[in-house]
Protein backbone atom coordinates (compact mmCIF):
# COMPACT_ATOMS: atom_id res chain seq x y z
CA MET A 1 -27.78 -4.25 10.35
CA ARG A 2 -30.72 -2.26 11.71
CA GLY A 3 -33.51 -3.84 13.68
CA LEU A 4 -35.94 -3.58 16.57
CA ASN A 5 -34.15 -3.91 19.90
CA ILE A 6 -35.91 -6.64 21.91
CA GLY A 7 -33.51 -6.91 24.84
CA THR A 8 -29.95 -7.26 26.04
CA ALA A 9 -28.04 -10.27 27.35
CA PHE A 10 -24.42 -10.31 28.55
CA GLY A 11 -24.25 -6.66 27.52
CA ILE A 12 -25.12 -7.51 23.90
CA PRO A 13 -28.24 -5.94 22.32
CA VAL A 14 -30.52 -8.45 20.57
CA ARG A 15 -32.45 -7.14 17.56
CA LEU A 16 -35.09 -8.30 15.11
CA ASN A 17 -34.65 -7.19 11.51
CA TRP A 18 -37.89 -6.64 9.58
CA THR A 19 -37.07 -9.61 7.32
CA PHE A 20 -37.42 -11.88 10.36
CA LEU A 21 -41.08 -10.90 10.59
CA ILE A 22 -41.52 -12.23 7.05
CA VAL A 23 -39.50 -15.42 7.29
CA LEU A 24 -40.94 -16.57 10.63
CA PRO A 25 -44.53 -17.08 9.37
CA VAL A 26 -43.17 -18.52 6.11
CA PHE A 27 -41.19 -21.14 8.05
CA ALA A 28 -44.21 -21.85 10.25
CA PHE A 29 -46.39 -22.33 7.15
CA ILE A 30 -43.88 -24.64 5.45
CA ILE A 31 -43.50 -26.79 8.57
CA GLY A 32 -47.25 -26.88 9.20
CA THR A 33 -47.97 -27.84 5.59
CA ASP A 34 -45.50 -30.76 5.57
CA ILE A 35 -45.95 -31.85 9.17
CA ALA A 36 -46.88 -35.45 8.33
CA THR A 37 -43.89 -35.85 6.00
CA ILE A 38 -41.55 -34.35 8.60
CA ALA A 39 -42.95 -36.69 11.27
CA GLU A 40 -42.23 -39.72 9.08
CA LEU A 41 -38.70 -38.48 8.45
CA LEU A 42 -38.13 -38.02 12.19
CA ASN A 43 -39.41 -41.57 12.80
CA ASP A 44 -36.82 -42.90 10.35
CA LEU A 45 -33.99 -40.79 11.79
CA LEU A 46 -34.68 -41.07 15.51
CA GLY A 47 -36.24 -44.52 15.83
CA ARG A 48 -39.47 -43.57 17.62
CA GLU A 49 -43.00 -43.64 16.34
CA ILE A 50 -44.57 -40.20 16.13
CA ALA A 51 -48.19 -40.74 15.16
CA ALA A 52 -48.84 -38.35 12.28
CA GLY A 53 -52.57 -38.52 12.99
CA ALA A 54 -52.04 -37.00 16.43
CA LEU A 55 -50.54 -33.93 14.76
CA GLU A 56 -53.49 -33.25 12.50
CA GLY A 57 -56.40 -30.93 13.14
CA THR A 58 -57.67 -27.51 12.21
CA TYR A 59 -55.06 -25.47 14.07
CA ARG A 60 -52.59 -28.00 15.46
CA PRO A 61 -50.26 -28.22 12.42
CA TRP A 62 -49.93 -24.43 12.26
CA LEU A 63 -49.33 -24.08 16.00
CA LEU A 64 -46.69 -26.81 15.81
CA GLY A 65 -45.20 -25.09 12.78
CA LEU A 66 -45.02 -21.80 14.67
CA GLY A 67 -43.53 -23.50 17.74
CA ALA A 68 -40.92 -25.26 15.61
CA ALA A 69 -40.04 -22.03 13.77
CA LEU A 70 -39.68 -20.12 17.05
CA GLY A 71 -37.57 -22.96 18.46
CA LEU A 72 -35.38 -22.88 15.35
CA PHE A 73 -34.69 -19.17 15.68
CA GLY A 74 -34.12 -19.63 19.41
CA GLY A 75 -31.44 -22.15 18.50
CA VAL A 76 -29.98 -19.69 16.00
CA LEU A 77 -29.87 -17.02 18.72
CA LEU A 78 -28.00 -19.38 21.06
CA HIS A 79 -25.64 -20.22 18.19
CA GLU A 80 -24.78 -16.52 17.83
CA PHE A 81 -24.33 -16.14 21.58
CA GLY A 82 -21.86 -19.03 21.37
CA HIS A 83 -19.72 -16.96 19.01
CA SER A 84 -20.22 -13.79 21.01
CA LEU A 85 -19.40 -15.10 24.48
CA VAL A 86 -16.14 -16.66 23.30
CA ALA A 87 -15.33 -13.41 21.51
CA LEU A 88 -15.94 -11.46 24.73
CA ARG A 89 -13.37 -13.67 26.46
CA TYR A 90 -10.86 -12.43 23.90
CA ASP A 91 -11.89 -8.81 24.60
CA CYS A 92 -13.67 -8.46 21.25
CA ARG A 93 -16.55 -6.00 21.29
CA ILE A 94 -19.94 -7.16 19.97
CA LYS A 95 -22.23 -4.43 18.67
CA SER A 96 -25.37 -6.57 18.48
CA ILE A 97 -26.94 -9.88 17.54
CA THR A 98 -29.63 -9.60 14.88
CA LEU A 99 -32.16 -12.20 13.78
CA TRP A 100 -32.98 -11.76 10.10
CA LEU A 101 -33.92 -13.50 6.86
CA LEU A 102 -30.95 -15.88 6.80
CA GLY A 103 -30.86 -16.66 10.52
CA GLY A 104 -28.64 -14.76 12.95
CA LEU A 105 -25.77 -12.31 12.68
CA ALA A 106 -23.38 -11.30 15.46
CA SER A 107 -21.93 -7.91 14.53
CA PHE A 108 -18.35 -7.49 15.76
CA GLU A 109 -16.70 -4.11 16.19
CA GLU A 110 -13.70 -5.80 14.57
CA MET A 111 -12.88 -9.43 13.88
CA PRO A 112 -9.79 -10.64 15.77
CA GLU A 113 -6.68 -11.02 13.63
CA ASN A 114 -5.17 -13.72 15.84
CA TRP A 115 -5.84 -17.01 14.06
CA ARG A 116 -6.40 -18.97 17.28
CA GLN A 117 -9.03 -16.51 18.46
CA GLU A 118 -10.89 -16.58 15.15
CA PHE A 119 -10.67 -20.39 15.09
CA TRP A 120 -12.29 -20.84 18.52
CA ILE A 121 -14.85 -18.09 17.97
CA ALA A 122 -15.90 -19.74 14.70
CA LEU A 123 -16.20 -23.19 16.29
CA ALA A 124 -18.17 -21.95 19.29
CA GLY A 125 -21.41 -21.37 17.37
CA PRO A 126 -21.66 -24.88 15.85
CA ALA A 127 -20.60 -26.38 19.19
CA VAL A 128 -23.52 -24.63 20.90
CA SER A 129 -25.89 -25.83 18.16
CA VAL A 130 -24.76 -29.42 18.70
CA GLY A 131 -25.29 -28.95 22.44
CA VAL A 132 -28.79 -27.54 21.89
CA GLY A 133 -29.56 -30.45 19.58
CA ALA A 134 -28.37 -32.90 22.24
CA VAL A 135 -30.63 -31.28 24.85
CA PHE A 136 -33.65 -31.56 22.58
CA TYR A 137 -32.74 -35.16 21.76
CA GLY A 138 -32.63 -35.93 25.48
CA LEU A 139 -36.08 -34.37 25.88
CA PHE A 140 -37.27 -36.36 22.86
CA LEU A 141 -36.19 -39.59 24.56
CA ALA A 142 -37.71 -38.57 27.89
CA VAL A 143 -41.29 -37.79 26.86
CA PRO A 144 -43.85 -40.64 26.54
CA ASP A 145 -45.15 -41.89 23.20
CA SER A 146 -48.56 -40.42 23.98
CA ALA A 147 -47.15 -36.85 23.87
CA GLY A 148 -47.08 -36.71 20.07
CA GLU A 149 -46.82 -32.92 19.81
CA LEU A 150 -43.82 -32.77 22.16
CA LEU A 151 -42.17 -35.71 20.41
CA PHE A 152 -42.48 -33.84 17.12
CA LEU A 153 -41.17 -30.52 18.46
CA PHE A 154 -38.26 -32.00 20.42
CA GLY A 155 -37.27 -34.38 17.63
CA TYR A 156 -37.52 -31.71 14.95
CA LEU A 157 -35.45 -29.19 16.92
CA ALA A 158 -32.85 -31.85 17.81
CA VAL A 159 -32.30 -32.72 14.15
CA LEU A 160 -32.48 -29.13 12.94
CA ASN A 161 -29.91 -27.78 15.41
CA VAL A 162 -27.42 -30.51 14.52
CA PHE A 163 -28.08 -29.80 10.83
CA LEU A 164 -27.52 -26.08 11.52
CA ALA A 165 -24.12 -26.88 13.04
CA ALA A 166 -23.12 -29.13 10.13
CA PHE A 167 -24.30 -26.67 7.47
CA ASN A 168 -22.46 -23.77 9.10
CA MET A 169 -19.24 -25.79 9.07
CA LEU A 170 -19.22 -25.90 5.27
CA PRO A 171 -16.07 -23.99 4.21
CA ALA A 172 -18.13 -21.26 2.56
CA PHE A 173 -16.54 -18.05 3.87
CA PRO A 174 -17.84 -16.04 5.73
CA MET A 175 -19.83 -18.92 7.27
CA ASP A 176 -18.28 -20.58 10.32
CA GLY A 177 -16.48 -23.28 8.35
CA GLY A 178 -15.06 -20.60 6.06
CA ARG A 179 -13.67 -18.70 9.04
CA VAL A 180 -12.03 -21.90 10.25
CA LEU A 181 -10.62 -22.27 6.74
CA ARG A 182 -9.13 -18.77 7.00
CA ALA A 183 -7.80 -19.27 10.52
CA LEU A 184 -5.84 -22.44 9.81
CA PRO A 185 -3.72 -21.14 6.89
CA ALA A 186 -3.17 -17.88 8.80
CA ARG A 187 -0.91 -19.83 11.18
CA ASP A 188 1.97 -19.64 8.72
CA ARG A 189 0.97 -17.16 6.04
CA SER A 190 -0.35 -13.60 5.84
CA ARG A 191 -3.93 -12.85 6.78
CA VAL A 192 -4.47 -11.36 3.33
CA ARG A 193 -3.45 -14.60 1.59
CA ALA A 194 -5.51 -16.68 4.02
CA THR A 195 -8.55 -14.44 3.47
CA GLN A 196 -8.19 -14.57 -0.31
CA LEU A 197 -8.03 -18.37 -0.15
CA ALA A 198 -11.11 -18.62 2.08
CA ALA A 199 -13.02 -16.04 0.03
CA GLY A 200 -12.24 -17.91 -3.19
CA VAL A 201 -13.60 -21.14 -1.74
CA GLY A 202 -16.61 -19.22 -0.40
CA LYS A 203 -17.41 -17.88 -3.88
CA VAL A 204 -17.26 -21.41 -5.31
CA PHE A 205 -19.73 -22.59 -2.68
CA ALA A 206 -21.94 -19.58 -3.44
CA VAL A 207 -22.15 -20.65 -7.08
CA VAL A 208 -22.95 -24.23 -6.02
CA PHE A 209 -25.67 -22.97 -3.63
CA ALA A 210 -27.17 -20.87 -6.42
CA VAL A 211 -27.24 -23.72 -8.95
CA VAL A 212 -28.73 -26.18 -6.46
CA GLY A 213 -31.18 -23.56 -5.21
CA ILE A 214 -32.53 -22.77 -8.68
CA PHE A 215 -33.69 -26.37 -9.01
CA SER A 216 -34.68 -27.07 -5.41
CA ASN A 217 -34.98 -24.19 -2.93
CA LEU A 218 -34.86 -20.46 -3.67
CA PHE A 219 -33.67 -19.87 -0.09
CA LEU A 220 -30.29 -21.26 -1.22
CA VAL A 221 -30.17 -18.68 -4.00
CA VAL A 222 -30.61 -15.88 -1.46
CA LEU A 223 -27.92 -17.46 0.72
CA ALA A 224 -25.64 -17.74 -2.32
CA VAL A 225 -25.93 -14.01 -3.02
CA PHE A 226 -25.17 -13.19 0.62
CA VAL A 227 -22.15 -15.52 0.77
CA TYR A 228 -20.69 -14.23 -2.50
CA ILE A 229 -21.08 -10.55 -1.63
CA ALA A 230 -19.87 -11.00 1.96
CA ALA A 231 -16.84 -13.06 0.88
CA ALA A 232 -15.83 -10.49 -1.72
CA GLY A 233 -16.42 -7.60 0.69
CA GLU A 234 -14.40 -9.06 3.55
CA ALA A 235 -11.55 -10.00 1.21
CA ARG A 236 -11.50 -6.43 -0.09
CA GLN A 237 -11.54 -4.97 3.44
CA THR A 238 -8.65 -7.23 4.47
CA VAL A 239 -6.57 -6.07 1.51
CA PHE A 240 -7.32 -2.44 2.38
CA LYS A 241 -6.40 -3.02 6.01
CA ALA A 242 -3.05 -4.57 5.09
CA ALA A 243 -2.28 -1.79 2.62
CA PHE A 244 -3.13 0.97 5.11
CA ASP A 245 -1.23 -0.62 7.99
CA ASP A 246 0.71 2.16 9.76
CA VAL A 247 -0.53 4.77 7.24
CA THR A 248 -2.11 7.87 8.77
CA VAL A 249 -4.68 10.35 7.52
CA ALA A 250 -2.01 13.08 7.39
CA GLU A 251 -0.11 11.10 4.74
CA LEU A 252 -3.08 10.91 2.36
CA MET A 253 -5.20 13.99 3.06
CA THR A 254 -5.37 17.26 1.15
CA PRO A 255 -3.76 19.81 3.52
CA ARG A 256 -5.60 22.97 4.58
CA GLU A 257 -3.62 25.34 2.36
CA GLN A 258 -4.53 23.32 -0.74
CA LEU A 259 -8.22 23.04 0.08
CA ASP A 260 -10.97 24.70 -1.90
CA THR A 261 -13.53 26.03 0.59
CA VAL A 262 -16.72 28.07 0.56
CA SER A 263 -18.18 30.57 3.00
CA PRO A 264 -21.59 30.07 4.59
CA ASP A 265 -23.04 33.15 2.86
CA THR A 266 -22.30 31.86 -0.67
CA THR A 267 -25.51 31.27 -2.59
CA VAL A 268 -26.38 27.71 -3.54
CA ALA A 269 -26.50 28.71 -7.21
CA ALA A 270 -23.01 30.22 -7.06
CA MET A 271 -21.63 27.19 -5.27
CA LEU A 272 -23.06 24.83 -7.90
CA GLN A 273 -21.42 26.83 -10.66
CA ARG A 274 -18.15 26.67 -8.77
CA MET A 275 -18.50 22.91 -8.31
CA PHE A 276 -18.88 22.58 -12.08
CA ALA A 277 -15.80 24.74 -12.69
CA ASP A 278 -13.65 23.01 -10.03
CA ARG A 279 -14.97 19.50 -10.75
CA HIS A 280 -15.59 19.09 -7.02
CA THR A 281 -18.65 17.58 -5.36
CA GLY A 282 -18.07 18.86 -1.84
CA TYR A 283 -16.43 21.69 0.10
CA PRO A 284 -15.55 22.46 3.71
CA VAL A 285 -17.45 25.53 4.88
CA LEU A 286 -15.32 28.14 6.66
CA ASP A 287 -16.53 31.22 8.51
CA GLY A 288 -13.29 33.12 8.77
CA ASP A 289 -10.84 30.56 10.18
CA ALA A 290 -13.54 28.46 11.85
CA HIS A 291 -14.85 25.31 10.17
CA VAL A 292 -18.61 25.36 10.52
CA GLY A 293 -19.77 22.60 8.22
CA ILE A 294 -19.42 20.68 5.00
CA VAL A 295 -21.59 20.94 1.90
CA THR A 296 -22.00 18.43 -0.93
CA LEU A 297 -23.54 18.34 -4.38
CA GLU A 298 -26.40 16.26 -2.98
CA ASP A 299 -27.13 18.90 -0.33
CA ALA A 300 -27.35 21.62 -2.98
CA THR A 301 -29.34 19.76 -5.64
CA ASP A 302 -32.01 18.86 -3.09
CA ILE A 303 -33.02 22.54 -3.33
CA PRO A 304 -35.47 23.42 -6.14
CA GLU A 305 -33.73 25.38 -8.90
CA VAL A 306 -35.93 28.45 -8.46
CA GLU A 307 -34.81 28.79 -4.82
CA ARG A 308 -31.06 28.40 -5.29
CA GLU A 309 -30.33 32.14 -5.73
CA ALA A 310 -32.14 32.96 -2.50
CA MET A 311 -30.67 30.20 -0.36
CA THR A 312 -27.12 30.10 0.95
CA VAL A 313 -24.66 27.38 1.84
CA ALA A 314 -25.51 27.96 5.51
CA ASP A 315 -29.07 26.83 4.75
CA VAL A 316 -28.09 23.46 3.27
CA MET A 317 -24.73 22.49 4.77
CA GLU A 318 -24.20 19.64 7.21
CA ARG A 319 -23.40 21.09 10.63
CA GLU A 320 -23.05 17.91 12.70
CA LEU A 321 -19.66 16.77 11.49
CA THR A 322 -17.81 13.53 11.91
CA THR A 323 -14.12 14.42 11.93
CA VAL A 324 -10.81 12.62 12.21
CA GLY A 325 -7.38 13.70 13.39
CA PRO A 326 -4.22 13.75 11.28
CA THR A 327 -2.76 10.83 13.26
CA THR A 328 -5.88 8.70 12.78
CA GLY A 329 -5.20 5.54 10.80
CA ALA A 330 -6.18 5.63 7.14
CA MET A 331 -8.18 2.40 7.57
CA THR A 332 -10.11 3.96 10.45
CA ALA A 333 -10.97 6.91 8.20
CA LEU A 334 -12.21 4.55 5.48
CA GLU A 335 -14.33 2.56 7.94
CA THR A 336 -15.77 5.82 9.31
CA MET A 337 -16.78 6.92 5.80
CA GLN A 338 -18.40 3.54 5.16
CA ARG A 339 -20.25 3.61 8.48
CA GLU A 340 -21.45 7.21 8.10
CA ASN A 341 -22.07 6.84 4.35
CA VAL A 342 -20.08 9.97 3.50
CA GLY A 343 -17.48 10.63 0.85
CA ARG A 344 -15.16 12.93 2.78
CA LEU A 345 -14.12 13.84 6.33
CA LEU A 346 -12.68 17.02 7.77
CA VAL A 347 -9.32 16.55 9.47
CA VAL A 348 -9.19 18.54 12.69
CA GLU A 349 -6.37 19.03 15.20
CA ASP A 350 -6.80 21.11 18.36
CA ASP A 351 -10.18 22.31 17.02
CA ARG A 352 -8.42 23.65 13.93
CA LEU A 353 -9.05 22.48 10.38
CA VAL A 354 -5.82 21.04 8.99
CA GLY A 355 -7.09 19.18 5.93
CA LEU A 356 -9.69 17.00 4.28
CA ILE A 357 -9.57 13.33 3.37
CA SER A 358 -11.89 11.83 0.77
CA ARG A 359 -12.58 8.39 -0.63
CA THR A 360 -10.67 9.54 -3.71
CA ASP A 361 -7.61 10.35 -1.57
CA LEU A 362 -7.80 6.92 0.04
CA MET A 363 -8.22 5.06 -3.25
CA ARG A 364 -5.32 6.93 -4.85
CA GLY A 365 -3.14 6.13 -1.86
CA PHE A 366 -4.25 2.51 -1.95
CA ASN A 367 -3.40 2.16 -5.64
CA ILE A 368 0.07 3.61 -5.07
CA ILE A 369 0.70 1.39 -2.03
CA GLN A 370 -0.41 -1.67 -4.02
CA ARG A 371 2.43 -0.90 -6.43
CA GLY A 372 4.98 -1.14 -3.66
CA VAL A 373 5.33 2.52 -2.66
CA ARG A 374 4.74 3.47 0.98
CA PRO A 375 5.30 6.71 2.93
CA ASP A 376 8.91 6.96 4.07
CA GLU A 377 10.09 8.02 7.51
CA ARG A 378 10.62 11.59 6.32
CA GLY A 379 7.00 11.73 5.20
CA ARG A 380 5.83 10.35 8.52
CA THR A 381 7.67 12.94 10.57
CA ARG A 382 6.85 15.94 8.37
CA GLY A 383 4.54 18.35 10.16
CA VAL A 384 0.99 18.77 8.97
CA GLY A 385 0.83 21.30 6.19
CA GLU A 386 4.62 21.62 5.77
CA PRO A 387 5.83 21.73 2.17
CA THR A 388 7.46 18.68 0.60
CA ASP A 389 10.04 20.79 -1.29
């Protein structure tokens, strides 16, 4: 998730997504508007008398609302650092922590597959939130009754951080409780089965969130959409990862001698006609034996029709290439395509083009593997480009 980098802690970049800049003033407004009601609720929960009158004024409710909203997101940030610091102890790499519309998101290079590691990483965030809530509760008890503003802020943040911990422990995968739900069954069954179980429960919770949110709080509807999509996406990725275990790019790619290629001096118009004839939407670009780029249908159709006879492939092709090797894992190739938002990758060995792998190649391989067929040892040891008989 993209965002504005605001600093680094423990080697982890901290970012603000643009949605945070919207939700922060909204939260501040909601808190400021209902400040008297919230104060009464805190009195009932925490057993101290916060004088609602002391919180009123022209600017005071809004300043308290802003302070409470900032404190809330500070607690969310600490929650994510809880996950991240435990993950670092297990040698997991954290790309960033981002504050956004739904709170915080720690982006892992890759989630650990060891169930114990995932279990403790998942629990760390709620544990930190409980600890933060306890600190604010201690401050709430320490300040005098006359400090109404501080009583409100400390009491509100104490309750909210504990609520954050409890809410995140709902077994709605991929929330923290859902990751615990995946980790525990993974002790004695496959990660795929455990993920499918957790994702199924997560989807049920997403539906519940949506129904409740329609009648009470639209924020829950947004959360429901996120939970449902994330649960389905992670379940799908886990299935792909299991299917492509020990499968290399060389076993799924189109080898060099079977590739359709174009030269850099081919006109854009001629290439488009060839794409139509070949039913291809992309070609490697070769200048002699050297691979110099890749060109796609999108690259060509960006050019106005009247200019396509005058412009060549060299004018529109992508020159900065992301490539993979033939021994690269198939799952790594898929993740690279997803990250770079491309549909195909050149396969290069010793600076020599040996093939091309596309999303279509990967999906065909996946469908075959799902039916119980995997590359045999002869296929694994066959040299790149050698015939199969």
